[in-house]
PDB file of N, CA and C in Angstrom:
ATOM      1  N   MET A   1      59.467  17.257 -32.019  1.00  0.00           N
ATOM      2  CA  MET A   1      59.050  18.210 -30.942  1.00  0.00           C
ATOM      3  C   MET A   1      59.634  17.792 -29.806  1.00  0.00           C
ATOM      4  N   PRO A   2      60.909  18.365 -29.656  1.00  0.00           N
ATOM      5  CA  PRO A   2      61.823  18.573 -28.444  1.00  0.00           C
ATOM      6  C   PRO A   2      60.470  18.584 -27.436  1.00  0.00           C
ATOM      7  N   THR A   3      61.441  18.128 -26.313  1.00  0.00           N
ATOM      8  CA  THR A   3      60.160  17.974 -24.861  1.00  0.00           C
ATOM      9  C   THR A   3      61.179  18.362 -23.520  1.00  0.00           C
ATOM     10  N   ILE A   4      61.282  18.993 -23.050  1.00  0.00           N
ATOM     11  CA  ILE A   4      62.200  19.353 -21.727  1.00  0.00           C
ATOM     12  C   ILE A   4      60.692  19.000 -20.518  1.00  0.00           C
ATOM     13  N   PHE A   5      61.736  18.342 -19.543  1.00  0.00           N
ATOM     14  CA  PHE A   5      60.851  17.976 -18.416  1.00  0.00           C
ATOM     15  C   PHE A   5      61.610  18.818 -17.005  1.00  0.00           C
ATOM     16  N   PHE A   6      60.489  19.165 -16.225  1.00  0.00           N
ATOM     17  CA  PHE A   6      61.567  19.883 -15.003  1.00  0.00           C
ATOM     18  C   PHE A   6      60.548  18.976 -13.279  1.00  0.00           C
ATOM     19  N   PHE A   7      61.262  18.670 -13.037  1.00  0.00           N
ATOM     20  CA  PHE A   7      61.242  17.939 -11.887  1.00  0.00           C
ATOM     21  C   PHE A   7      61.379  19.279 -10.259  1.00  0.00           C
ATOM     22  N   GLY A   8      60.548  19.915  -9.700  1.00  0.00           N
ATOM     23  CA  GLY A   8      61.361  20.451  -8.663  1.00  0.00           C
ATOM     24  C   GLY A   8      60.207  20.935  -7.842  1.00  0.00           C
ATOM     25  N   PRO A   9      60.031  21.967  -6.992  1.00  0.00           N
ATOM     26  CA  PRO A   9      59.240  22.668  -5.982  1.00  0.00           C
ATOM     27  C   PRO A   9      58.286  23.379  -6.383  1.00  0.00           C
ATOM     28  N   ARG A  10      57.187  23.151  -5.838  1.00  0.00           N
ATOM     29  CA  ARG A  10      55.909  24.454  -6.182  1.00  0.00           C
ATOM     30  C   ARG A  10      56.386  25.667  -6.706  1.00  0.00           C
ATOM     31  N   LEU A  11      55.981  26.040  -7.909  1.00  0.00           N
ATOM     32  CA  LEU A  11      56.207  27.622  -7.792  1.00  0.00           C
ATOM     33  C   LEU A  11      55.099  28.521  -7.986  1.00  0.00           C
ATOM     34  N   ASP A  12      55.473  29.939  -7.817  1.00  0.00           N
ATOM     35  CA  ASP A  12      54.241  30.712  -8.317  1.00  0.00           C
ATOM     36  C   ASP A  12      53.831  31.183  -9.832  1.00  0.00           C
ATOM     37  N   LYS A  13      52.675  31.208 -10.172  1.00  0.00           N
ATOM     38  CA  LYS A  13      52.624  31.327 -11.682  1.00  0.00           C
ATOM     39  C   LYS A  13      53.435  32.018 -12.530  1.00  0.00           C
ATOM     40  N   GLU A  14      54.262  33.276 -11.908  1.00  0.00           N
ATOM     41  CA  GLU A  14      55.274  34.153 -12.673  1.00  0.00           C
ATOM     42  C   GLU A  14      56.411  33.185 -12.844  1.00  0.00           C
ATOM     43  N   LYS A  15      56.793  33.091 -11.520  1.00  0.00           N
ATOM     44  CA  LYS A  15      57.983  31.781 -11.783  1.00  0.00           C
ATOM     45  C   LYS A  15      57.995  30.794 -13.272  1.00  0.00           C
ATOM     46  N   LYS A  16      56.476  30.222 -12.980  1.00  0.00           N
ATOM     47  CA  LYS A  16      56.776  28.895 -13.935  1.00  0.00           C
ATOM     48  C   LYS A  16      56.568  29.436 -15.039  1.00  0.00           C
ATOM     49  N   ARG A  17      56.080  30.617 -15.466  1.00  0.00           N
ATOM     50  CA  ARG A  17      55.911  31.460 -16.900  1.00  0.00           C
ATOM     51  C   ARG A  17      57.634  31.535 -17.297  1.00  0.00           C
ATOM     52  N   GLU A  18      58.587  32.062 -16.169  1.00  0.00           N
ATOM     53  CA  GLU A  18      59.786  32.861 -16.505  1.00  0.00           C
ATOM     54  C   GLU A  18      60.665  31.001 -16.777  1.00  0.00           C
ATOM     55  N   LEU A  19      60.306  30.427 -16.123  1.00  0.00           N
ATOM     56  CA  LEU A  19      61.167  29.362 -16.046  1.00  0.00           C
ATOM     57  C   LEU A  19      60.784  28.770 -17.875  1.00  0.00           C
ATOM     58  N   VAL A  20      59.551  28.374 -18.170  1.00  0.00           N
ATOM     59  CA  VAL A  20      59.066  27.932 -19.625  1.00  0.00           C
ATOM     60  C   VAL A  20      60.053  28.378 -20.584  1.00  0.00           C
ATOM     61  N   ARG A  21      59.824  30.220 -20.424  1.00  0.00           N
ATOM     62  CA  ARG A  21      60.545  30.892 -20.932  1.00  0.00           C
ATOM     63  C   ARG A  21      61.879  31.024 -21.249  1.00  0.00           C
ATOM     64  N   SER A  22      62.370  30.651 -20.239  1.00  0.00           N
ATOM     65  CA  SER A  22      64.328  30.466 -20.174  1.00  0.00           C
ATOM     66  C   SER A  22      64.429  29.169 -20.738  1.00  0.00           C
ATOM     67  N   PHE A  23      63.823  28.542 -20.282  1.00  0.00           N
ATOM     68  CA  PHE A  23      63.835  26.759 -20.850  1.00  0.00           C
ATOM     69  C   PHE A  23      64.344  26.770 -22.252  1.00  0.00           C
ATOM     70  N   THR A  24      62.920  27.559 -22.862  1.00  0.00           N
ATOM     71  CA  THR A  24      63.080  27.627 -24.426  1.00  0.00           C
ATOM     72  C   THR A  24      63.547  28.231 -25.114  1.00  0.00           C
ATOM     73  N   GLU A  25      63.861  29.149 -24.573  1.00  0.00           N
ATOM     74  CA  GLU A  25      65.024  30.372 -25.154  1.00  0.00           C
ATOM     75  C   GLU A  25      65.905  29.263 -25.168  1.00  0.00           C
ATOM     76  N   ALA A  26      66.638  29.244 -24.106  1.00  0.00           N
ATOM     77  CA  ALA A  26      68.078  28.756 -24.029  1.00  0.00           C
ATOM     78  C   ALA A  26      68.008  27.333 -25.150  1.00  0.00           C
ATOM     79  N   ALA A  27      67.143  26.427 -25.285  1.00  0.00           N
ATOM     80  CA  ALA A  27      67.340  25.272 -25.595  1.00  0.00           C
ATOM     81  C   ALA A  27      67.281  25.742 -27.195  1.00  0.00           C
ATOM     82  N   SER A  28      66.284  26.280 -27.979  1.00  0.00           N
ATOM     83  CA  SER A  28      66.314  26.774 -29.193  1.00  0.00           C
ATOM     84  C   SER A  28      67.697  27.664 -29.553  1.00  0.00           C
ATOM     85  N   ARG A  29      68.419  28.411 -28.618  1.00  0.00           N
ATOM     86  CA  ARG A  29      69.360  28.840 -28.917  1.00  0.00           C
ATOM     87  C   ARG A  29      70.843  28.103 -29.248  1.00  0.00           C
ATOM     88  N   LEU A  30      70.446  27.083 -28.054  1.00  0.00           N
ATOM     89  CA  LEU A  30      71.633  26.243 -28.227  1.00  0.00           C
ATOM     90  C   LEU A  30      71.880  25.358 -29.671  1.00  0.00           C
ATOM     91  N   THR A  31      69.933  25.003 -29.802  1.00  0.00           N
ATOM     92  CA  THR A  31      70.202  23.473 -31.078  1.00  0.00           C
ATOM     93  C   THR A  31      69.380  24.328 -32.163  1.00  0.00           C
ATOM     94  N   GLY A  32      69.366  25.232 -32.385  1.00  0.00           N
ATOM     95  CA  GLY A  32      69.293  25.971 -33.724  1.00  0.00           C
ATOM     96  C   GLY A  32      67.306  26.064 -34.036  1.00  0.00           C
ATOM     97  N   ILE A  33      66.686  24.964 -33.498  1.00  0.00           N
ATOM     98  CA  ILE A  33      65.198  24.578 -33.387  1.00  0.00           C
ATOM     99  C   ILE A  33      64.592  25.786 -33.294  1.00  0.00           C
ATOM    100  N   ASP A  34      63.559  26.069 -34.038  1.00  0.00           N
ATOM    101  CA  ASP A  34      62.881  27.179 -33.819  1.00  0.00           C
ATOM    102  C   ASP A  34      62.017  26.688 -32.345  1.00  0.00           C
ATOM    103  N   PRO A  35      61.821  28.020 -31.227  1.00  0.00           N
ATOM    104  CA  PRO A  35      61.337  28.219 -29.974  1.00  0.00           C
ATOM    105  C   PRO A  35      59.742  27.123 -29.639  1.00  0.00           C
ATOM    106  N   ALA A  36      58.966  27.629 -31.273  1.00  0.00           N
ATOM    107  CA  ALA A  36      57.396  26.895 -31.081  1.00  0.00           C
ATOM    108  C   ALA A  36      57.830  25.869 -30.854  1.00  0.00           C
ATOM    109  N   ALA A  37      58.855  24.891 -31.409  1.00  0.00           N
ATOM    110  CA  ALA A  37      58.560  23.379 -31.527  1.00  0.00           C
ATOM    111  C   ALA A  37      58.904  22.392 -30.320  1.00  0.00           C
ATOM    112  N   PHE A  38      59.248  23.363 -28.897  1.00  0.00           N
ATOM    113  CA  PHE A  38      59.535  22.860 -27.884  1.00  0.00           C
ATOM    114  C   PHE A  38      58.317  23.095 -27.145  1.00  0.00           C
ATOM    115  N   VAL A  39      58.245  21.810 -26.471  1.00  0.00           N
ATOM    116  CA  VAL A  39      57.365  21.376 -25.097  1.00  0.00           C
ATOM    117  C   VAL A  39      57.947  21.541 -23.737  1.00  0.00           C
ATOM    118  N   VAL A  40      57.235  22.188 -22.923  1.00  0.00           N
ATOM    119  CA  VAL A  40      57.966  22.067 -21.397  1.00  0.00           C
ATOM    120  C   VAL A  40      56.970  21.645 -20.758  1.00  0.00           C
ATOM    121  N   TYR A  41      57.245  20.973 -20.302  1.00  0.00           N
ATOM    122  CA  TYR A  41      56.248  20.319 -18.849  1.00  0.00           C
ATOM    123  C   TYR A  41      57.239  20.326 -17.244  1.00  0.00           C
ATOM    124  N   LEU A  42      56.532  20.971 -16.637  1.00  0.00           N
ATOM    125  CA  LEU A  42      57.235  21.322 -15.104  1.00  0.00           C
ATOM    126  C   LEU A  42      55.849  20.496 -14.320  1.00  0.00           C
ATOM    127  N   GLN A  43      56.937  19.547 -13.587  1.00  0.00           N
ATOM    128  CA  GLN A  43      56.276  18.800 -12.574  1.00  0.00           C
ATOM    129  C   GLN A  43      56.532  19.350 -10.739  1.00  0.00           C
ATOM    130  N   GLU A  44      55.422  19.465 -10.130  1.00  0.00           N
ATOM    131  CA  GLU A  44      56.077  20.090  -8.961  1.00  0.00           C
ATOM    132  C   GLU A  44      56.256  18.863  -7.908  1.00  0.00           C
ATOM    133  N   THR A  45      57.277  18.836  -7.417  1.00  0.00           N
ATOM    134  CA  THR A  45      57.551  17.319  -6.284  1.00  0.00           C
ATOM    135  C   THR A  45      57.575  17.911  -5.167  1.00  0.00           C
ATOM    136  N   ALA A  46      57.349  17.454  -4.281  1.00  0.00           N
ATOM    137  CA  ALA A  46      57.146  17.618  -2.732  1.00  0.00           C
ATOM    138  C   ALA A  46      58.300  16.919  -2.216  1.00  0.00           C
ATOM    139  N   PRO A  47      58.717  17.666  -1.366  1.00  0.00           N
ATOM    140  CA  PRO A  47      60.678  16.940  -0.536  1.00  0.00           C
ATOM    141  C   PRO A  47      60.244  15.610  -0.213  1.00  0.00           C
ATOM    142  N   ASP A  48      59.023  15.176   0.042  1.00  0.00           N
ATOM    143  CA  ASP A  48      58.609  13.702   0.772  1.00  0.00           C
ATOM    144  C   ASP A  48      58.701  12.791  -0.339  1.00  0.00           C
ATOM    145  N   GLN A  49      59.253  13.254  -1.975  1.00  0.00           N
ATOM    146  CA  GLN A  49      58.412  12.746  -3.126  1.00  0.00           C
ATOM    147  C   GLN A  49      60.155  12.245  -3.422  1.00  0.00           C
ATOM    148  N   VAL A  50      60.996  12.782  -3.358  1.00  0.00           N
ATOM    149  CA  VAL A  50      62.612  12.634  -3.519  1.00  0.00           C
ATOM    150  C   VAL A  50      63.621  12.559  -2.456  1.00  0.00           C
ATOM    151  N   GLY A  51      64.360  11.490  -3.223  1.00  0.00           N
ATOM    152  CA  GLY A  51      65.567  10.865  -2.333  1.00  0.00           C
ATOM    153  C   GLY A  51      66.520  11.444  -3.003  1.00  0.00           C
ATOM    154  N   VAL A  52      67.739  11.569  -2.011  1.00  0.00           N
ATOM    155  CA  VAL A  52      68.874  12.713  -2.195  1.00  0.00           C
ATOM    156  C   VAL A  52      69.946  11.510  -1.301  1.00  0.00           C
ATOM    157  N   GLY A  53      70.520  10.515  -2.170  1.00  0.00           N
ATOM    158  CA  GLY A  53      72.145  10.426  -1.248  1.00  0.00           C
ATOM    159  C   GLY A  53      71.107   9.330   0.114  1.00  0.00           C
ATOM    160  N   GLY A  54      70.455   8.786  -0.587  1.00  0.00           N
ATOM    161  CA  GLY A  54      69.900   7.857   0.041  1.00  0.00           C
ATOM    162  C   GLY A  54      68.525   8.286   1.624  1.00  0.00           C
ATOM    163  N   GLN A  55      68.212   9.395   1.249  1.00  0.00           N
ATOM    164  CA  GLN A  55      67.384  10.191   2.563  1.00  0.00           C
ATOM    165  C   GLN A  55      66.437  10.859   1.644  1.00  0.00           C
ATOM    166  N   LEU A  56      65.168  10.701   2.245  1.00  0.00           N
ATOM    167  CA  LEU A  56      64.395  11.449   1.693  1.00  0.00           C
ATOM    168  C   LEU A  56      64.851  13.139   1.637  1.00  0.00           C
ATOM    169  N   LEU A  57      64.599  13.744   0.652  1.00  0.00           N
ATOM    170  CA  LEU A  57      64.944  15.511   0.757  1.00  0.00           C
ATOM    171  C   LEU A  57      64.259  16.073   2.187  1.00  0.00           C
ATOM    172  N   GLU A  58      63.279  15.359   2.072  1.00  0.00           N
ATOM    173  CA  GLU A  58      62.203  16.319   3.067  1.00  0.00           C
ATOM    174  C   GLU A  58      63.003  15.901   4.980  1.00  0.00           C
ATOM    175  N   ASP A  59      63.739  15.123   4.743  1.00  0.00           N
ATOM    176  CA  ASP A  59      64.795  14.316   6.135  1.00  0.00           C
ATOM    177  C   ASP A  59      65.946  15.532   5.453  1.00  0.00           C
ATOM    178  N   ARG A  60      66.600  15.886   5.141  1.00  0.00           N
ATOM    179  CA  ARG A  60      67.810  16.087   4.901  1.00  0.00           C
ATOM    180  C   ARG A  60      67.548  18.016   4.570  1.00  0.00           C
ATOM    181  N   GLN A  61      66.160  18.043   4.565  1.00  0.00           N
ATOM    182  CA  GLN A  61      65.842  19.837   4.576  1.00  0.00           C
ATOM    183  C   GLN A  61      65.941  19.771   6.655  1.00  0.00           C
ATOM    184  N   LYS A  62      65.712  19.016   7.339  1.00  0.00           N
ATOM    185  CA  LYS A  62      65.768  19.246   8.857  1.00  0.00           C
ATOM    186  C   LYS A  62      66.727  19.775   9.190  1.00  0.00           C
ATOM    187  N   PRO A  63      66.679  20.843  10.110  1.00  0.00           N
ATOM    188  CA  PRO A  63      67.965  21.390  11.139  1.00  0.00           C
ATOM    189  C   PRO A  63      68.816  20.404  11.766  1.00  0.00           C
ATOM    190  N   GLY A  64      69.577  20.530  11.250  1.00  0.00           N
ATOM    191  CA  GLY A  64      70.899  19.693  11.719  1.00  0.00           C
ATOM    192  C   GLY A  64      71.050  18.318  11.408  1.00  0.00           C
ATOM    193  N   SER A  65      70.323  17.946   9.978  1.00  0.00           N
ATOM    194  CA  SER A  65      70.873  16.659   9.119  1.00  0.00           C
ATOM    195  C   SER A  65      71.258  17.430   7.849  1.00  0.00           C
ATOM    196  N   GLN A  66      71.889  16.030   7.527  1.00  0.00           N
ATOM    197  CA  GLN A  66      72.617  15.751   6.577  1.00  0.00           C
ATOM    198  C   GLN A  66      73.603  14.268   6.359  1.00  0.00           C
TER     199      GLN A  66
END
């Protein structure tokens, strides 16, 4: 059972559906594995829970920071 994990921002239901569909289609096409075998996990992650370049993403997103 191939598994895909996506950690990212909060998305509305339609975008989640599209993301799961797109990931599954691409992975199936590239691997030759039946799409029904794939499991996709979407993990919503707030900017204060992610670090990039030694800073919280929340801090990097503030105007004038980088």
